[in-house]
Structures are given as structure tokens and as C-alpha cells.
PDB file of N, CA and C in Angstrom:
ATOM      1  N   ILE A   1     235.406  38.850 -73.650  1.00  0.00           N
ATOM      2  CA  ILE A   1     235.830  37.763 -72.789  1.00  0.00           C
ATOM      3  C   ILE A   1     237.318  37.934 -72.522  1.00  0.00           C
ATOM      4  N   ILE A   2     237.675  37.933 -71.275  1.00  0.00           N
ATOM      5  CA  ILE A   2     239.071  38.080 -70.878  1.00  0.00           C
ATOM      6  C   ILE A   2     239.569  36.727 -70.383  1.00  0.00           C
ATOM      7  N   LEU A   3     240.649  36.252 -71.015  1.00  0.00           N
ATOM      8  CA  LEU A   3     241.229  34.965 -70.645  1.00  0.00           C
ATOM      9  C   LEU A   3     242.625  35.183 -70.086  1.00  0.00           C
ATOM     10  N   ASN A   4     242.961  34.479 -69.024  1.00  0.00           N
ATOM     11  CA  ASN A   4     244.325  34.565 -68.498  1.00  0.00           C
ATOM     12  C   ASN A   4     245.202  33.511 -69.174  1.00  0.00           C
ATOM     13  N   LYS A   5     246.486  33.495 -68.857  1.00  0.00           N
ATOM     14  CA  LYS A   5     247.432  32.588 -69.524  1.00  0.00           C
ATOM     15  C   LYS A   5     247.088  31.118 -69.298  1.00  0.00           C
ATOM     16  N   THR A   6     246.657  30.797 -68.105  1.00  0.00           N
ATOM     17  CA  THR A   6     246.322  29.402 -67.793  1.00  0.00           C
ATOM     18  C   THR A   6     245.138  28.926 -68.630  1.00  0.00           C
ATOM     19  N   THR A   7     244.117  29.762 -68.735  1.00  0.00           N
ATOM     20  CA  THR A   7     242.935  29.403 -69.512  1.00  0.00           C
ATOM     21  C   THR A   7     243.283  29.254 -70.987  1.00  0.00           C
ATOM     22  N   ILE A   8     244.148  30.128 -71.494  1.00  0.00           N
ATOM     23  CA  ILE A   8     244.558  30.042 -72.892  1.00  0.00           C
ATOM     24  C   ILE A   8     245.303  28.733 -73.151  1.00  0.00           C
ATOM     25  N   GLU A   9     246.172  28.339 -72.239  1.00  0.00           N
ATOM     26  CA  GLU A   9     246.908  27.075 -72.398  1.00  0.00           C
ATOM     27  C   GLU A   9     245.970  25.869 -72.347  1.00  0.00           C
ATOM     28  N   ILE A  10     244.972  25.948 -71.488  1.00  0.00           N
ATOM     29  CA  ILE A  10     243.990  24.857 -71.405  1.00  0.00           C
ATOM     30  C   ILE A  10     243.226  24.738 -72.719  1.00  0.00           C
ATOM     31  N   PHE A  11     242.784  25.868 -73.271  1.00  0.00           N
ATOM     32  CA  PHE A  11     242.070  25.841 -74.546  1.00  0.00           C
ATOM     33  C   PHE A  11     242.968  25.346 -75.679  1.00  0.00           C
ATOM     34  N   LYS A  12     244.232  25.725 -75.674  1.00  0.00           N
ATOM     35  CA  LYS A  12     245.160  25.254 -76.704  1.00  0.00           C
ATOM     36  C   LYS A  12     245.312  23.736 -76.645  1.00  0.00           C
ATOM     37  N   THR A  13     245.369  23.198 -75.422  1.00  0.00           N
ATOM     38  CA  THR A  13     245.535  21.757 -75.268  1.00  0.00           C
ATOM     39  C   THR A  13     244.259  21.004 -75.629  1.00  0.00           C
ATOM     40  N   ILE A  14     243.145  21.472 -75.124  1.00  0.00           N
ATOM     41  CA  ILE A  14     241.877  20.765 -75.355  1.00  0.00           C
ATOM     42  C   ILE A  14     241.497  20.791 -76.832  1.00  0.00           C
ATOM     43  N   PHE A  15     241.600  21.953 -77.454  1.00  0.00           N
ATOM     44  CA  PHE A  15     241.160  22.089 -78.838  1.00  0.00           C
ATOM     45  C   PHE A  15     242.298  21.937 -79.847  1.00  0.00           C
ATOM     46  N   ASN A  16     243.506  21.612 -79.372  1.00  0.00           N
ATOM     47  CA  ASN A  16     244.651  21.331 -80.232  1.00  0.00           C
ATOM     48  C   ASN A  16     244.851  22.443 -81.261  1.00  0.00           C
ATOM     49  N   LEU A  17     244.975  23.661 -80.788  1.00  0.00           N
ATOM     50  CA  LEU A  17     245.018  24.827 -81.665  1.00  0.00           C
ATOM     51  C   LEU A  17     246.334  24.963 -82.419  1.00  0.00           C
ATOM     52  N   GLU A  18     247.413  24.380 -81.946  1.00  0.00           N
ATOM     53  CA  GLU A  18     248.683  24.489 -82.651  1.00  0.00           C
ATOM     54  C   GLU A  18     248.754  23.560 -83.860  1.00  0.00           C
ATOM     55  N   ASP A  19     247.977  22.509 -83.871  1.00  0.00           N
ATOM     56  CA  ASP A  19     248.077  21.499 -84.919  1.00  0.00           C
ATOM     57  C   ASP A  19     247.429  21.943 -86.226  1.00  0.00           C
ATOM     58  N   LYS A  20     246.431  22.782 -86.167  1.00  0.00           N
ATOM     59  CA  LYS A  20     245.677  23.260 -87.340  1.00  0.00           C
ATOM     60  C   LYS A  20     245.062  22.097 -88.128  1.00  0.00           C
ATOM     61  N   LYS A  21     244.607  21.114 -87.414  1.00  0.00           N
ATOM     62  CA  LYS A  21     243.980  19.941 -88.016  1.00  0.00           C
ATOM     63  C   LYS A  21     242.584  20.319 -88.493  1.00  0.00           C
ATOM     64  N   ILE A  22     242.250  19.956 -89.724  1.00  0.00           N
ATOM     65  CA  ILE A  22     240.947  20.306 -90.292  1.00  0.00           C
ATOM     66  C   ILE A  22     240.069  19.053 -90.279  1.00  0.00           C
ATOM     67  N   VAL A  23     238.888  19.212 -89.719  1.00  0.00           N
ATOM     68  CA  VAL A  23     237.920  18.115 -89.670  1.00  0.00           C
ATOM     69  C   VAL A  23     236.686  18.567 -90.425  1.00  0.00           C
ATOM     70  N   ASP A  24     236.194  17.704 -91.304  1.00  0.00           N
ATOM     71  CA  ASP A  24     235.000  18.032 -92.073  1.00  0.00           C
ATOM     72  C   ASP A  24     233.787  17.982 -91.145  1.00  0.00           C
ATOM     73  N   ILE A  25     233.152  19.115 -90.968  1.00  0.00           N
ATOM     74  CA  ILE A  25     232.027  19.222 -90.027  1.00  0.00           C
ATOM     75  C   ILE A  25     230.819  18.439 -90.529  1.00  0.00           C
ATOM     76  N   ASP A  26     230.645  18.344 -91.837  1.00  0.00           N
ATOM     77  CA  ASP A  26     229.477  17.644 -92.385  1.00  0.00           C
ATOM     78  C   ASP A  26     229.496  16.154 -92.078  1.00  0.00           C
ATOM     79  N   LYS A  27     230.671  15.589 -91.878  1.00  0.00           N
ATOM     80  CA  LYS A  27     230.772  14.154 -91.625  1.00  0.00           C
ATOM     81  C   LYS A  27     230.634  13.797 -90.150  1.00  0.00           C
ATOM     82  N   THR A  28     230.597  14.796 -89.284  1.00  0.00           N
ATOM     83  CA  THR A  28     230.501  14.514 -87.850  1.00  0.00           C
ATOM     84  C   THR A  28     229.048  14.379 -87.440  1.00  0.00           C
ATOM     85  N   ASP A  29     228.805  13.489 -86.499  1.00  0.00           N
ATOM     86  CA  ASP A  29     227.445  13.248 -86.028  1.00  0.00           C
ATOM     87  C   ASP A  29     227.019  14.262 -84.978  1.00  0.00           C
ATOM     88  N   ASP A  30     227.885  14.536 -84.049  1.00  0.00           N
ATOM     89  CA  ASP A  30     227.526  15.447 -82.973  1.00  0.00           C
ATOM     90  C   ASP A  30     228.752  16.226 -82.512  1.00  0.00           C
ATOM     91  N   VAL A  31     228.543  17.098 -81.555  1.00  0.00           N
ATOM     92  CA  VAL A  31     229.595  17.979 -81.058  1.00  0.00           C
ATOM     93  C   VAL A  31     230.706  17.187 -80.383  1.00  0.00           C
ATOM     94  N   PHE A  32     230.360  16.186 -79.623  1.00  0.00           N
ATOM     95  CA  PHE A  32     231.371  15.401 -78.907  1.00  0.00           C
ATOM     96  C   PHE A  32     232.292  14.670 -79.883  1.00  0.00           C
ATOM     97  N   PHE A  33     231.722  14.157 -80.951  1.00  0.00           N
ATOM     98  CA  PHE A  33     232.532  13.484 -81.960  1.00  0.00           C
ATOM     99  C   PHE A  33     233.492  14.470 -82.623  1.00  0.00           C
ATOM    100  N   TYR A  34     232.998  15.666 -82.927  1.00  0.00           N
ATOM    101  CA  TYR A  34     233.826  16.691 -83.566  1.00  0.00           C
ATOM    102  C   TYR A  34     234.998  17.084 -82.670  1.00  0.00           C
ATOM    103  N   PHE A  35     234.740  17.388 -81.411  1.00  0.00           N
ATOM    104  CA  PHE A  35     235.814  17.825 -80.518  1.00  0.00           C
ATOM    105  C   PHE A  35     236.773  16.688 -80.170  1.00  0.00           C
ATOM    106  N   SER A  36     236.294  15.467 -80.135  1.00  0.00           N
ATOM    107  CA  SER A  36     237.217  14.364 -79.871  1.00  0.00           C
ATOM    108  C   SER A  36     238.125  14.112 -81.074  1.00  0.00           C
ATOM    109  N   LYS A  37     237.693  14.507 -82.277  1.00  0.00           N
ATOM    110  CA  LYS A  37     238.541  14.380 -83.459  1.00  0.00           C
ATOM    111  C   LYS A  37     239.667  15.411 -83.463  1.00  0.00           C
ATOM    112  N   ILE A  38     239.376  16.647 -83.044  1.00  0.00           N
ATOM    113  CA  ILE A  38     240.408  17.689 -83.100  1.00  0.00           C
ATOM    114  C   ILE A  38     241.252  17.733 -81.841  1.00  0.00           C
ATOM    115  N   SER A  39     240.793  17.132 -80.769  1.00  0.00           N
ATOM    116  CA  SER A  39     241.495  17.217 -79.494  1.00  0.00           C
ATOM    117  C   SER A  39     242.294  15.945 -79.224  1.00  0.00           C
ATOM    118  N   PRO A  40     243.457  16.076 -78.581  1.00  0.00           N
ATOM    119  CA  PRO A  40     244.187  14.870 -78.179  1.00  0.00           C
ATOM    120  C   PRO A  40     243.541  14.178 -76.980  1.00  0.00           C
ATOM    121  N   ILE A  41     242.638  14.873 -76.316  1.00  0.00           N
ATOM    122  CA  ILE A  41     241.931  14.334 -75.153  1.00  0.00           C
ATOM    123  C   ILE A  41     240.618  13.721 -75.625  1.00  0.00           C
ATOM    124  N   ASP A  42     240.272  12.566 -75.092  1.00  0.00           N
ATOM    125  CA  ASP A  42     239.007  11.920 -75.435  1.00  0.00           C
ATOM    126  C   ASP A  42     237.873  12.664 -74.744  1.00  0.00           C
ATOM    127  N   ILE A  43     237.037  13.314 -75.523  1.00  0.00           N
ATOM    128  CA  ILE A  43     235.911  14.079 -74.981  1.00  0.00           C
ATOM    129  C   ILE A  43     234.652  13.274 -75.257  1.00  0.00           C
ATOM    130  N   ARG A  44     233.967  12.902 -74.176  1.00  0.00           N
ATOM    131  CA  ARG A  44     232.761  12.094 -74.299  1.00  0.00           C
ATOM    132  C   ARG A  44     231.586  12.793 -73.637  1.00  0.00           C
ATOM    133  N   ASN A  45     230.425  12.339 -73.987  1.00  0.00           N
ATOM    134  CA  ASN A  45     229.201  12.852 -73.392  1.00  0.00           C
ATOM    135  C   ASN A  45     229.151  12.438 -71.924  1.00  0.00           C
ATOM    136  N   LYS A  46     228.769  13.365 -71.068  1.00  0.00           N
ATOM    137  CA  LYS A  46     228.727  13.081 -69.630  1.00  0.00           C
ATOM    138  C   LYS A  46     227.675  12.030 -69.305  1.00  0.00           C
ATOM    139  N   ALA A  47     226.520  12.148 -69.907  1.00  0.00           N
ATOM    140  CA  ALA A  47     225.440  11.191 -69.660  1.00  0.00           C
ATOM    141  C   ALA A  47     224.774  10.876 -70.997  1.00  0.00           C
ATOM    142  N   PRO A  48     225.245   9.852 -71.710  1.00  0.00           N
ATOM    143  CA  PRO A  48     224.664   9.568 -73.021  1.00  0.00           C
ATOM    144  C   PRO A  48     223.241   9.027 -72.963  1.00  0.00           C
ATOM    145  N   PHE A  49     222.858   8.447 -71.838  1.00  0.00           N
ATOM    146  CA  PHE A  49     221.509   7.902 -71.691  1.00  0.00           C
ATOM    147  C   PHE A  49     220.903   8.403 -70.390  1.00  0.00           C
ATOM    148  N   PHE A  50     219.621   8.671 -70.412  1.00  0.00           N
ATOM    149  CA  PHE A  50     218.896   9.076 -69.216  1.00  0.00           C
ATOM    150  C   PHE A  50     217.773   8.083 -68.976  1.00  0.00           C
ATOM    151  N   MET A  51     217.594   7.725 -67.727  1.00  0.00           N
ATOM    152  CA  MET A  51     216.505   6.849 -67.364  1.00  0.00           C
ATOM    153  C   MET A  51     215.715   7.571 -66.278  1.00  0.00           C
ATOM    154  N   GLY A  52     214.506   7.933 -66.581  1.00  0.00           N
ATOM    155  CA  GLY A  52     213.726   8.716 -65.640  1.00  0.00           C
ATOM    156  C   GLY A  52     212.567   7.940 -65.062  1.00  0.00           C
ATOM    157  N   THR A  53     212.151   8.351 -63.908  1.00  0.00           N
ATOM    158  CA  THR A  53     210.972   7.774 -63.274  1.00  0.00           C
ATOM    159  C   THR A  53     210.123   8.904 -62.741  1.00  0.00           C
ATOM    160  N   ARG A  54     208.898   8.605 -62.499  1.00  0.00           N
ATOM    161  CA  ARG A  54     208.006   9.591 -61.894  1.00  0.00           C
ATOM    162  C   ARG A  54     207.904   9.296 -60.408  1.00  0.00           C
ATOM    163  N   MET A  55     208.168  10.285 -59.628  1.00  0.00           N
ATOM    164  CA  MET A  55     208.096  10.117 -58.185  1.00  0.00           C
ATOM    165  C   MET A  55     206.856  10.842 -57.664  1.00  0.00           C
ATOM    166  N   GLY A  56     206.129  10.164 -56.835  1.00  0.00           N
ATOM    167  CA  GLY A  56     204.957  10.776 -56.239  1.00  0.00           C
ATOM    168  C   GLY A  56     205.237  11.246 -54.829  1.00  0.00           C
ATOM    169  N   ARG A  57     204.325  12.016 -54.315  1.00  0.00           N
ATOM    170  CA  ARG A  57     204.433  12.466 -52.927  1.00  0.00           C
ATOM    171  C   ARG A  57     203.247  11.880 -52.170  1.00  0.00           C
ATOM    172  N   PRO A  58     203.436  10.755 -51.493  1.00  0.00           N
ATOM    173  CA  PRO A  58     202.296  10.094 -50.848  1.00  0.00           C
ATOM    174  C   PRO A  58     201.636  10.942 -49.776  1.00  0.00           C
ATOM    175  N   GLU A  59     202.383  11.843 -49.165  1.00  0.00           N
ATOM    176  CA  GLU A  59     201.775  12.671 -48.122  1.00  0.00           C
ATOM    177  C   GLU A  59     200.826  13.708 -48.710  1.00  0.00           C
ATOM    178  N   LYS A  60     200.975  14.016 -49.997  1.00  0.00           N
ATOM    179  CA  LYS A  60     200.118  15.010 -50.632  1.00  0.00           C
ATOM    180  C   LYS A  60     199.033  14.376 -51.504  1.00  0.00           C
ATOM    181  N   SER A  61     199.026  13.069 -51.617  1.00  0.00           N
ATOM    182  CA  SER A  61     198.070  12.431 -52.516  1.00  0.00           C
ATOM    183  C   SER A  61     196.668  12.464 -51.914  1.00  0.00           C
ATOM    184  N   GLU A  62     195.711  12.517 -52.804  1.00  0.00           N
ATOM    185  CA  GLU A  62     194.315  12.528 -52.367  1.00  0.00           C
ATOM    186  C   GLU A  62     193.774  11.104 -52.388  1.00  0.00           C
ATOM    187  N   ARG A  63     192.695  10.910 -51.662  1.00  0.00           N
ATOM    188  CA  ARG A  63     192.064   9.595 -51.648  1.00  0.00           C
ATOM    189  C   ARG A  63     191.444   9.350 -53.019  1.00  0.00           C
ATOM    190  N   LYS A  64     191.702   8.185 -53.553  1.00  0.00           N
ATOM    191  CA  LYS A  64     191.214   7.863 -54.889  1.00  0.00           C
ATOM    192  C   LYS A  64     190.154   6.773 -54.782  1.00  0.00           C
ATOM    193  N   SER A  65     189.066   6.995 -55.457  1.00  0.00           N
ATOM    194  CA  SER A  65     188.008   5.990 -55.440  1.00  0.00           C
ATOM    195  C   SER A  65     188.217   5.043 -56.614  1.00  0.00           C
ATOM    196  N   MET A  66     187.715   3.838 -56.444  1.00  0.00           N
ATOM    197  CA  MET A  66     187.869   2.848 -57.505  1.00  0.00           C
ATOM    198  C   MET A  66     186.956   3.188 -58.663  1.00  0.00           C
ATOM    199  N   LYS A  67     187.427   2.884 -59.850  1.00  0.00           N
ATOM    200  CA  LYS A  67     186.616   3.102 -61.036  1.00  0.00           C
ATOM    201  C   LYS A  67     185.571   1.997 -61.121  1.00  0.00           C
ATOM    202  N   GLY A  68     184.708   2.129 -62.085  1.00  0.00           N
ATOM    203  CA  GLY A  68     183.675   1.130 -62.284  1.00  0.00           C
ATOM    204  C   GLY A  68     184.243  -0.228 -62.627  1.00  0.00           C
ATOM    205  N   VAL A  69     183.406  -1.215 -62.557  1.00  0.00           N
ATOM    206  CA  VAL A  69     183.835  -2.586 -62.780  1.00  0.00           C
ATOM    207  C   VAL A  69     184.123  -2.786 -64.262  1.00  0.00           C
ATOM    208  N   HIS A  70     185.266  -3.375 -64.552  1.00  0.00           N
ATOM    209  CA  HIS A  70     185.630  -3.681 -65.930  1.00  0.00           C
ATOM    210  C   HIS A  70     185.894  -5.178 -66.042  1.00  0.00           C
ATOM    211  N   THR A  71     184.947  -5.961 -65.616  1.00  0.00           N
ATOM    212  CA  THR A  71     185.130  -7.407 -65.668  1.00  0.00           C
ATOM    213  C   THR A  71     183.960  -8.041 -66.379  1.00  0.00           C
ATOM    214  N   LEU A  72     184.142  -9.272 -66.696  1.00  0.00           N
ATOM    215  CA  LEU A  72     183.077 -10.028 -67.326  1.00  0.00           C
ATOM    216  C   LEU A  72     182.013 -10.409 -66.304  1.00  0.00           C
ATOM    217  N   PHE A  73     182.451 -10.560 -65.031  1.00  0.00           N
ATOM    218  CA  PHE A  73     181.538 -10.926 -63.957  1.00  0.00           C
ATOM    219  C   PHE A  73     181.508  -9.795 -62.941  1.00  0.00           C
ATOM    220  N   PRO A  74     180.571  -8.853 -63.062  1.00  0.00           N
ATOM    221  CA  PRO A  74     180.553  -7.721 -62.127  1.00  0.00           C
ATOM    222  C   PRO A  74     180.237  -8.172 -60.701  1.00  0.00           C
ATOM    223  N   LEU A  75     181.009  -7.666 -59.761  1.00  0.00           N
ATOM    224  CA  LEU A  75     180.827  -7.979 -58.353  1.00  0.00           C
ATOM    225  C   LEU A  75     180.379  -6.718 -57.632  1.00  0.00           C
ATOM    226  N   SER A  76     179.737  -6.900 -56.518  1.00  0.00           N
ATOM    227  CA  SER A  76     179.263  -5.730 -55.779  1.00  0.00           C
ATOM    228  C   SER A  76     180.418  -5.083 -55.019  1.00  0.00           C
ATOM    229  N   ASP A  77     180.187  -3.889 -54.503  1.00  0.00           N
ATOM    230  CA  ASP A  77     181.195  -3.183 -53.712  1.00  0.00           C
ATOM    231  C   ASP A  77     181.351  -3.791 -52.327  1.00  0.00           C
ATOM    232  N   LYS A  78     180.442  -4.648 -51.917  1.00  0.00           N
ATOM    233  CA  LYS A  78     180.493  -5.237 -50.585  1.00  0.00           C
ATOM    234  C   LYS A  78     181.533  -6.354 -50.483  1.00  0.00           C
ATOM    235  N   VAL A  79     182.141  -6.735 -51.591  1.00  0.00           N
ATOM    236  CA  VAL A  79     183.124  -7.816 -51.599  1.00  0.00           C
ATOM    237  C   VAL A  79     184.447  -7.332 -51.032  1.00  0.00           C
ATOM    238  N   GLY A  80     184.740  -6.092 -51.148  1.00  0.00           N
ATOM    239  CA  GLY A  80     186.016  -5.547 -50.685  1.00  0.00           C
ATOM    240  C   GLY A  80     186.611  -4.640 -51.748  1.00  0.00           C
ATOM    241  N   ASN A  81     187.751  -4.119 -51.419  1.00  0.00           N
ATOM    242  CA  ASN A  81     188.328  -3.161 -52.355  1.00  0.00           C
ATOM    243  C   ASN A  81     189.074  -3.831 -53.506  1.00  0.00           C
ATOM    244  N   THR A  82     189.214  -5.155 -53.487  1.00  0.00           N
ATOM    245  CA  THR A  82     189.941  -5.823 -54.560  1.00  0.00           C
ATOM    246  C   THR A  82     189.030  -6.361 -55.648  1.00  0.00           C
ATOM    247  N   ARG A  83     187.771  -6.591 -55.325  1.00  0.00           N
ATOM    248  CA  ARG A  83     186.783  -7.134 -56.256  1.00  0.00           C
ATOM    249  C   ARG A  83     187.230  -8.466 -56.859  1.00  0.00           C
ATOM    250  N   LEU A  84     187.772  -9.316 -56.013  1.00  0.00           N
ATOM    251  CA  LEU A  84     188.203 -10.632 -56.463  1.00  0.00           C
ATOM    252  C   LEU A  84     187.043 -11.617 -56.390  1.00  0.00           C
ATOM    253  N   VAL A  85     186.971 -12.484 -57.374  1.00  0.00           N
ATOM    254  CA  VAL A  85     185.903 -13.482 -57.417  1.00  0.00           C
ATOM    255  C   VAL A  85     186.046 -14.448 -56.251  1.00  0.00           C
ATOM    256  N   GLU A  86     187.292 -14.793 -55.895  1.00  0.00           N
ATOM    257  CA  GLU A  86     187.519 -15.726 -54.790  1.00  0.00           C
ATOM    258  C   GLU A  86     186.992 -15.164 -53.467  1.00  0.00           C
ATOM    259  N   LYS A  87     187.189 -13.870 -53.237  1.00  0.00           N
ATOM    260  CA  LYS A  87     186.678 -13.263 -52.003  1.00  0.00           C
ATOM    261  C   LYS A  87     185.157 -13.226 -52.000  1.00  0.00           C
ATOM    262  N   ALA A  88     184.567 -13.001 -53.161  1.00  0.00           N
ATOM    263  CA  ALA A  88     183.107 -12.991 -53.241  1.00  0.00           C
ATOM    264  C   ALA A  88     182.542 -14.361 -52.892  1.00  0.00           C
ATOM    265  N   ILE A  89     183.229 -15.401 -53.309  1.00  0.00           N
ATOM    266  CA  ILE A  89     182.784 -16.753 -52.969  1.00  0.00           C
ATOM    267  C   ILE A  89     182.954 -16.997 -51.477  1.00  0.00           C
ATOM    268  N   GLU A  90     184.082 -16.542 -50.894  1.00  0.00           N
ATOM    269  CA  GLU A  90     184.319 -16.711 -49.458  1.00  0.00           C
ATOM    270  C   GLU A  90     183.262 -15.994 -48.627  1.00  0.00           C
ATOM    271  N   PHE A  91     182.907 -14.784 -49.028  1.00  0.00           N
ATOM    272  CA  PHE A  91     181.924 -14.009 -48.264  1.00  0.00           C
ATOM    273  C   PHE A  91     180.494 -14.464 -48.528  1.00  0.00           C
ATOM    274  N   GLY A  92     180.303 -15.318 -49.514  1.00  0.00           N
ATOM    275  CA  GLY A  92     178.958 -15.788 -49.832  1.00  0.00           C
ATOM    276  C   GLY A  92     178.145 -14.760 -50.586  1.00  0.00           C
ATOM    277  N   LYS A  93     178.787 -13.806 -51.189  1.00  0.00           N
ATOM    278  CA  LYS A  93     178.080 -12.758 -51.926  1.00  0.00           C
ATOM    279  C   LYS A  93     177.858 -13.124 -53.386  1.00  0.00           C
ATOM    280  N   LEU A  94     178.516 -14.169 -53.829  1.00  0.00           N
ATOM    281  CA  LEU A  94     178.431 -14.540 -55.236  1.00  0.00           C
ATOM    282  C   LEU A  94     177.403 -15.645 -55.398  1.00  0.00           C
ATOM    283  N   LEU A  95     176.393 -15.385 -56.163  1.00  0.00           N
ATOM    284  CA  LEU A  95     175.362 -16.374 -56.477  1.00  0.00           C
ATOM    285  C   LEU A  95     175.432 -16.643 -57.971  1.00  0.00           C
ATOM    286  N   SER A  96     175.274 -17.869 -58.333  1.00  0.00           N
ATOM    287  CA  SER A  96     175.322 -18.175 -59.764  1.00  0.00           C
ATOM    288  C   SER A  96     174.119 -19.017 -60.137  1.00  0.00           C
ATOM    289  N   SER A  97     173.649 -18.786 -61.302  1.00  0.00           N
ATOM    290  CA  SER A  97     172.605 -19.639 -61.869  1.00  0.00           C
ATOM    291  C   SER A  97     173.053 -19.941 -63.297  1.00  0.00           C
ATOM    292  N   PRO A  98     173.789 -21.042 -63.454  1.00  0.00           N
ATOM    293  CA  PRO A  98     174.329 -21.342 -64.780  1.00  0.00           C
ATOM    294  C   PRO A  98     173.224 -21.623 -65.782  1.00  0.00           C
ATOM    295  N   LEU A  99     173.449 -21.210 -66.974  1.00  0.00           N
ATOM    296  CA  LEU A  99     172.501 -21.412 -68.059  1.00  0.00           C
ATOM    297  C   LEU A  99     173.171 -22.302 -69.088  1.00  0.00           C
ATOM    298  N   TYR A 100     172.639 -23.482 -69.242  1.00  0.00           N
ATOM    299  CA  TYR A 100     173.200 -24.426 -70.201  1.00  0.00           C
ATOM    300  C   TYR A 100     172.312 -24.451 -71.426  1.00  0.00           C
ATOM    301  N   LEU A 101     172.939 -24.344 -72.566  1.00  0.00           N
ATOM    302  CA  LEU A 101     172.172 -24.372 -73.821  1.00  0.00           C
ATOM    303  C   LEU A 101     172.303 -25.689 -74.514  1.00  0.00           C
TER     304      LEU A 101
END
């Protein structure tokens, strides 16, 4: 590795090479903590937290069919794609015969 004078001065400043300060490596949690201890410059993590999401491509998505009914009151497919009980009553597709014990 070949370093020019400017790069050497930058490394001397960042890592405080003239001071000969000794930091116990076992007591440090991570690299950023270690370098901020030996350097006069506050060195921090660029992105300490990441928040990710999944992005879809709607133009490439395939048509998805609805799964089977997972309700206590199964409705037919003729009610619509939402399978709401209220819509079944509106369309007159819902018949009930209550059983009283």
C-alpha cells in the first residue's frame, strides 16, 4: 500500500498516532467505540438502525385466487370477492334456519 503525505496526515489525525494512547480492546463493545476512544474525532456508525420493507412489483404479479373459507359461517362464492355476511344478506344468498335447544 502506497500512501502519500496527505493520506498519512489524515491517518495520524484520525487514529491519533502521535499520542500513543492505549485502549483495552477487551472492554470495547464494537469497532466504532474503539476508534472513538483513540481518536480526537467522534467516529459513529453511519446507520445504527435499519428499517426494511418488502416492495412488490404490481406489474409482474400474477392473479391470485382466494383461499378456502376460514369462517364459522361459510358463504358461497356468489356473494362476491369479500365474502362478507352483510353482502350475503343484501344479495339474498344467506338463508338461516336457527336451531334453538
